[in-house]
Amino acid sequence: MVAEITNNLRRYSVDAQHIGHAFAGLHGLNPTDLHALIAVMDAELTGDPITPGRLGEQLNLSSGSVTALIDRLERAGHIRRDRDTADRRKVFLHYADQGAALAMSFFGPLGRRTDEVMARFSDEELEIVHRFMATMVDSMRAHRDAVRAESARRPTS
């Protein structure tokens, strides 16, 4: 069963990447653009809007690259910059209405399918799945961070 779960996780990951790349291709986005949009969405969903600096840290980009990325996504109508009302020097990134509408029209059917699947499980079963997935995400991120740290230590030729 462990091998089957591992294979299902791999297939899910690959299929999710294909869907994300299809969305990106339809809207002229590159993989980094897509990762940035996901980071902005994740931050909004947790109620903790992301700053350009945090976005750069998450994507492992220089400040100049982050600025170019944000400018490109803002021009395309995917995100907007909002100044913090308490500290006008601080900028938060949010989905723009146009970008949210594009994402909803593309990912809405997937969301409905996901809802249909989850409706087949009890709250107790979903709690176990939630705990499993959260732990797997933490494990994957720890590995990602270790790989990044190792890559940063290696000299470039």
C-alpha atoms as a PDB file:
ATOM      1  CA  MET A   1       0.000   0.000   0.000  1.00  0.00           C
ATOM      2  CA  VAL A   2       2.870   2.404   0.739  1.00  0.00           C
ATOM      3  CA  ALA A   3       4.152   1.973  -2.822  1.00  0.00           C
ATOM      4  CA  GLU A   4       0.659   2.634  -4.206  1.00  0.00           C
ATOM      5  CA  ILE A   5       0.297   5.792  -2.099  1.00  0.00           C
ATOM      6  CA  THR A   6       3.729   6.969  -3.220  1.00  0.00           C
ATOM      7  CA  ASN A   7       2.821   6.333  -6.859  1.00  0.00           C
ATOM      8  CA  ASN A   8      -0.490   8.162  -6.420  1.00  0.00           C
ATOM      9  CA  LEU A   9       1.288  11.151  -4.896  1.00  0.00           C
ATOM     10  CA  ARG A  10       3.761  11.202  -7.786  1.00  0.00           C
ATOM     11  CA  ARG A  11       0.984  10.956 -10.395  1.00  0.00           C
ATOM     12  CA  TYR A  12      -1.016  13.661  -8.612  1.00  0.00           C
ATOM     13  CA  SER A  13       2.041  15.932  -8.573  1.00  0.00           C
ATOM     14  CA  VAL A  14       2.798  15.368 -12.252  1.00  0.00           C
ATOM     15  CA  ASP A  15      -0.837  15.898 -13.277  1.00  0.00           C
ATOM     16  CA  ALA A  16      -1.059  19.069 -11.173  1.00  0.00           C
ATOM     17  CA  GLN A  17       2.092  20.361 -12.887  1.00  0.00           C
ATOM     18  CA  HIS A  18       0.590  19.637 -16.306  1.00  0.00           C
ATOM     19  CA  ILE A  19      -2.580  21.522 -15.387  1.00  0.00           C
ATOM     20  CA  GLY A  20      -0.552  24.455 -14.061  1.00  0.00           C
ATOM     21  CA  HIS A  21       1.586  24.540 -17.199  1.00  0.00           C
ATOM     22  CA  ALA A  22      -1.549  24.461 -19.362  1.00  0.00           C
ATOM     23  CA  PHE A  23      -2.898  27.503 -17.482  1.00  0.00           C
ATOM     24  CA  ALA A  24       0.457  29.243 -17.807  1.00  0.00           C
ATOM     25  CA  GLY A  25       0.662  28.504 -21.522  1.00  0.00           C
ATOM     26  CA  LEU A  26      -2.844  29.823 -22.168  1.00  0.00           C
ATOM     27  CA  HIS A  27      -2.022  33.088 -20.423  1.00  0.00           C
ATOM     28  CA  GLY A  28       1.574  33.691 -21.525  1.00  0.00           C
ATOM     29  CA  LEU A  29       3.108  32.865 -18.151  1.00  0.00           C
ATOM     30  CA  ASN A  30       6.424  31.159 -17.529  1.00  0.00           C
ATOM     31  CA  PRO A  31       6.958  28.669 -14.658  1.00  0.00           C
ATOM     32  CA  THR A  32       8.294  31.373 -12.313  1.00  0.00           C
ATOM     33  CA  ASP A  33       5.232  33.530 -13.029  1.00  0.00           C
ATOM     34  CA  LEU A  34       3.003  30.589 -12.145  1.00  0.00           C
ATOM     35  CA  HIS A  35       4.903  29.902  -8.915  1.00  0.00           C
ATOM     36  CA  ALA A  36       4.595  33.584  -7.994  1.00  0.00           C
ATOM     37  CA  LEU A  37       0.838  33.536  -8.562  1.00  0.00           C
ATOM     38  CA  ILE A  38       0.521  30.436  -6.404  1.00  0.00           C
ATOM     39  CA  ALA A  39       2.558  32.114  -3.639  1.00  0.00           C
ATOM     40  CA  VAL A  40       0.323  35.211  -3.798  1.00  0.00           C
ATOM     41  CA  MET A  41      -2.795  33.013  -3.677  1.00  0.00           C
ATOM     42  CA  ASP A  42      -1.473  30.920  -0.772  1.00  0.00           C
ATOM     43  CA  ALA A  43      -0.630  34.057   1.206  1.00  0.00           C
ATOM     44  CA  GLU A  44      -4.092  35.514   0.600  1.00  0.00           C
ATOM     45  CA  LEU A  45      -5.779  32.252   1.616  1.00  0.00           C
ATOM     46  CA  THR A  46      -3.943  32.297   4.956  1.00  0.00           C
ATOM     47  CA  GLY A  47      -4.819  35.966   5.513  1.00  0.00           C
ATOM     48  CA  ASP A  48      -1.157  36.999   5.457  1.00  0.00           C
ATOM     49  CA  PRO A  49      -0.555  38.892   2.186  1.00  0.00           C
ATOM     50  CA  ILE A  50       2.911  38.446   0.746  1.00  0.00           C
ATOM     51  CA  THR A  51       5.451  41.217   0.291  1.00  0.00           C
ATOM     52  CA  PRO A  52       7.839  41.399  -2.666  1.00  0.00           C
ATOM     53  CA  GLY A  53      10.713  40.493  -0.322  1.00  0.00           C
ATOM     54  CA  ARG A  54       9.002  37.353   0.953  1.00  0.00           C
ATOM     55  CA  LEU A  55       8.058  36.406  -2.611  1.00  0.00           C
ATOM     56  CA  GLY A  56      11.711  36.670  -3.609  1.00  0.00           C
ATOM     57  CA  GLU A  57      12.747  34.472  -0.687  1.00  0.00           C
ATOM     58  CA  GLN A  58      10.148  31.849  -1.548  1.00  0.00           C
ATOM     59  CA  LEU A  59      11.103  31.782  -5.218  1.00  0.00           C
ATOM     60  CA  ASN A  60      14.831  32.159  -4.533  1.00  0.00           C
ATOM     61  CA  LEU A  61      15.067  35.289  -6.719  1.00  0.00           C
ATOM     62  CA  SER A  62      17.105  38.486  -6.458  1.00  0.00           C
ATOM     63  CA  SER A  63      15.290  41.729  -5.691  1.00  0.00           C
ATOM     64  CA  GLY A  64      15.776  42.913  -9.275  1.00  0.00           C
ATOM     65  CA  SER A  65      14.286  39.687 -10.649  1.00  0.00           C
ATOM     66  CA  VAL A  66      11.339  39.963  -8.256  1.00  0.00           C
ATOM     67  CA  THR A  67      10.675  43.535  -9.358  1.00  0.00           C
ATOM     68  CA  ALA A  68      10.690  42.502 -13.028  1.00  0.00           C
ATOM     69  CA  LEU A  69       8.414  39.549 -12.223  1.00  0.00           C
ATOM     70  CA  ILE A  70       5.928  41.693 -10.299  1.00  0.00           C
ATOM     71  CA  ASP A  71       5.958  44.379 -13.012  1.00  0.00           C
ATOM     72  CA  ARG A  72       5.228  41.742 -15.661  1.00  0.00           C
ATOM     73  CA  LEU A  73       2.390  40.142 -13.680  1.00  0.00           C
ATOM     74  CA  GLU A  74       0.925  43.529 -12.809  1.00  0.00           C
ATOM     75  CA  ARG A  75       0.981  44.706 -16.453  1.00  0.00           C
ATOM     76  CA  ALA A  76      -0.770  41.473 -17.475  1.00  0.00           C
ATOM     77  CA  GLY A  77      -3.518  42.108 -14.900  1.00  0.00           C
ATOM     78  CA  HIS A  78      -2.740  39.102 -12.693  1.00  0.00           C
ATOM     79  CA  ILE A  79      -1.678  40.885  -9.514  1.00  0.00           C
ATOM     80  CA  ARG A  80      -1.789  44.314  -7.927  1.00  0.00           C
ATOM     81  CA  ARG A  81       0.415  46.100  -5.416  1.00  0.00           C
ATOM     82  CA  ASP A  82      -1.263  47.614  -2.354  1.00  0.00           C
ATOM     83  CA  ARG A  83       0.474  49.803   0.191  1.00  0.00           C
ATOM     84  CA  ASP A  84       0.035  48.959   3.851  1.00  0.00           C
ATOM     85  CA  THR A  85      -2.319  51.460   5.465  1.00  0.00           C
ATOM     86  CA  ALA A  86      -0.228  51.542   8.666  1.00  0.00           C
ATOM     87  CA  ASP A  87       3.181  51.734   6.981  1.00  0.00           C
ATOM     88  CA  ARG A  88       3.063  53.227   3.488  1.00  0.00           C
ATOM     89  CA  ARG A  89       6.595  51.951   2.769  1.00  0.00           C
ATOM     90  CA  LYS A  90       5.385  48.344   2.929  1.00  0.00           C
ATOM     91  CA  VAL A  91       3.824  46.810  -0.190  1.00  0.00           C
ATOM     92  CA  PHE A  92       1.588  43.741  -0.320  1.00  0.00           C
ATOM     93  CA  LEU A  93       0.828  41.693  -3.413  1.00  0.00           C
ATOM     94  CA  HIS A  94      -2.728  40.582  -4.161  1.00  0.00           C
ATOM     95  CA  TYR A  95      -4.551  38.874  -6.975  1.00  0.00           C
ATOM     96  CA  ALA A  96      -6.043  41.468  -9.290  1.00  0.00           C
ATOM     97  CA  ASP A  97      -9.692  41.040 -10.267  1.00  0.00           C
ATOM     98  CA  GLN A  98      -8.755  40.092 -13.831  1.00  0.00           C
ATOM     99  CA  GLY A  99      -6.211  37.517 -12.672  1.00  0.00           C
ATOM    100  CA  ALA A 100      -8.660  36.028 -10.178  1.00  0.00           C
ATOM    101  CA  ALA A 101     -11.332  35.771 -12.876  1.00  0.00           C
ATOM    102  CA  LEU A 102      -8.927  33.980 -15.240  1.00  0.00           C
ATOM    103  CA  ALA A 103      -7.908  31.555 -12.512  1.00  0.00           C
ATOM    104  CA  MET A 104     -11.522  30.888 -11.507  1.00  0.00           C
ATOM    105  CA  SER A 105     -12.634  30.208 -15.067  1.00  0.00           C
ATOM    106  CA  PHE A 106      -9.745  27.786 -15.632  1.00  0.00           C
ATOM    107  CA  PHE A 107      -9.548  26.089 -12.219  1.00  0.00           C
ATOM    108  CA  GLY A 108     -13.251  26.251 -11.296  1.00  0.00           C
ATOM    109  CA  PRO A 109     -14.063  22.893 -12.922  1.00  0.00           C
ATOM    110  CA  LEU A 110     -11.145  21.292 -11.078  1.00  0.00           C
ATOM    111  CA  GLY A 111     -12.430  22.767  -7.819  1.00  0.00           C
ATOM    112  CA  ARG A 112     -15.860  21.276  -8.450  1.00  0.00           C
ATOM    113  CA  ARG A 113     -14.299  17.871  -9.140  1.00  0.00           C
ATOM    114  CA  THR A 114     -12.278  18.156  -5.936  1.00  0.00           C
ATOM    115  CA  ASP A 115     -15.410  19.040  -3.967  1.00  0.00           C
ATOM    116  CA  GLU A 116     -17.240  16.030  -5.446  1.00  0.00           C
ATOM    117  CA  VAL A 117     -14.419  13.696  -4.420  1.00  0.00           C
ATOM    118  CA  MET A 118     -14.198  15.099  -0.897  1.00  0.00           C
ATOM    119  CA  ALA A 119     -17.961  14.768  -0.444  1.00  0.00           C
ATOM    120  CA  ARG A 120     -17.490  10.978  -0.656  1.00  0.00           C
ATOM    121  CA  PHE A 121     -15.486  10.933   2.571  1.00  0.00           C
ATOM    122  CA  SER A 122     -16.545  11.432   6.176  1.00  0.00           C
ATOM    123  CA  ASP A 123     -15.185  14.284   8.276  1.00  0.00           C
ATOM    124  CA  GLU A 124     -13.099  11.767  10.212  1.00  0.00           C
ATOM    125  CA  GLU A 125     -11.573  10.366   7.011  1.00  0.00           C
ATOM    126  CA  LEU A 126     -10.869  13.861   5.718  1.00  0.00           C
ATOM    127  CA  GLU A 127      -9.138  14.740   8.995  1.00  0.00           C
ATOM    128  CA  ILE A 128      -6.751  11.809   8.498  1.00  0.00           C
ATOM    129  CA  VAL A 129      -6.134  12.794   4.865  1.00  0.00           C
ATOM    130  CA  HIS A 130      -5.572  16.397   5.940  1.00  0.00           C
ATOM    131  CA  ARG A 131      -3.046  15.376   8.584  1.00  0.00           C
ATOM    132  CA  PHE A 132      -1.260  13.095   6.102  1.00  0.00           C
ATOM    133  CA  MET A 133      -1.116  15.726   3.358  1.00  0.00           C
ATOM    134  CA  ALA A 134       0.040  18.482   5.735  1.00  0.00           C
ATOM    135  CA  THR A 135       2.825  16.229   6.991  1.00  0.00           C
ATOM    136  CA  MET A 136       3.807  15.303   3.415  1.00  0.00           C
ATOM    137  CA  VAL A 137       3.905  18.984   2.437  1.00  0.00           C
ATOM    138  CA  ASP A 138       6.129  19.759   5.421  1.00  0.00           C
ATOM    139  CA  SER A 139       8.436  16.885   4.469  1.00  0.00           C
ATOM    140  CA  MET A 140       8.604  17.997   0.823  1.00  0.00           C
ATOM    141  CA  ARG A 141       9.374  21.598   1.812  1.00  0.00           C
ATOM    142  CA  ALA A 142      12.103  20.471   4.197  1.00  0.00           C
ATOM    143  CA  HIS A 143      13.676  18.469   1.386  1.00  0.00           C
ATOM    144  CA  ARG A 144      13.293  21.409  -1.030  1.00  0.00           C
ATOM    145  CA  ASP A 145      15.023  23.701   1.457  1.00  0.00           C
ATOM    146  CA  ALA A 146      17.842  21.192   1.971  1.00  0.00           C
ATOM    147  CA  VAL A 147      18.336  20.902  -1.799  1.00  0.00           C
ATOM    148  CA  ARG A 148      18.399  24.703  -2.125  1.00  0.00           C
ATOM    149  CA  ALA A 149      20.942  24.998   0.678  1.00  0.00           C
ATOM    150  CA  GLU A 150      23.142  22.342  -0.916  1.00  0.00           C
ATOM    151  CA  SER A 151      22.888  24.047  -4.314  1.00  0.00           C
ATOM    152  CA  ALA A 152      23.852  27.397  -2.760  1.00  0.00           C
ATOM    153  CA  ARG A 153      26.998  25.844  -1.240  1.00  0.00           C
ATOM    154  CA  ARG A 154      28.208  24.362  -4.520  1.00  0.00           C
ATOM    155  CA  PRO A 155      30.563  26.512  -6.562  1.00  0.00           C
ATOM    156  CA  THR A 156      29.376  27.491 -10.025  1.00  0.00           C
ATOM    157  CA  SER A 157      31.655  26.942 -12.988  1.00  0.00           C
END
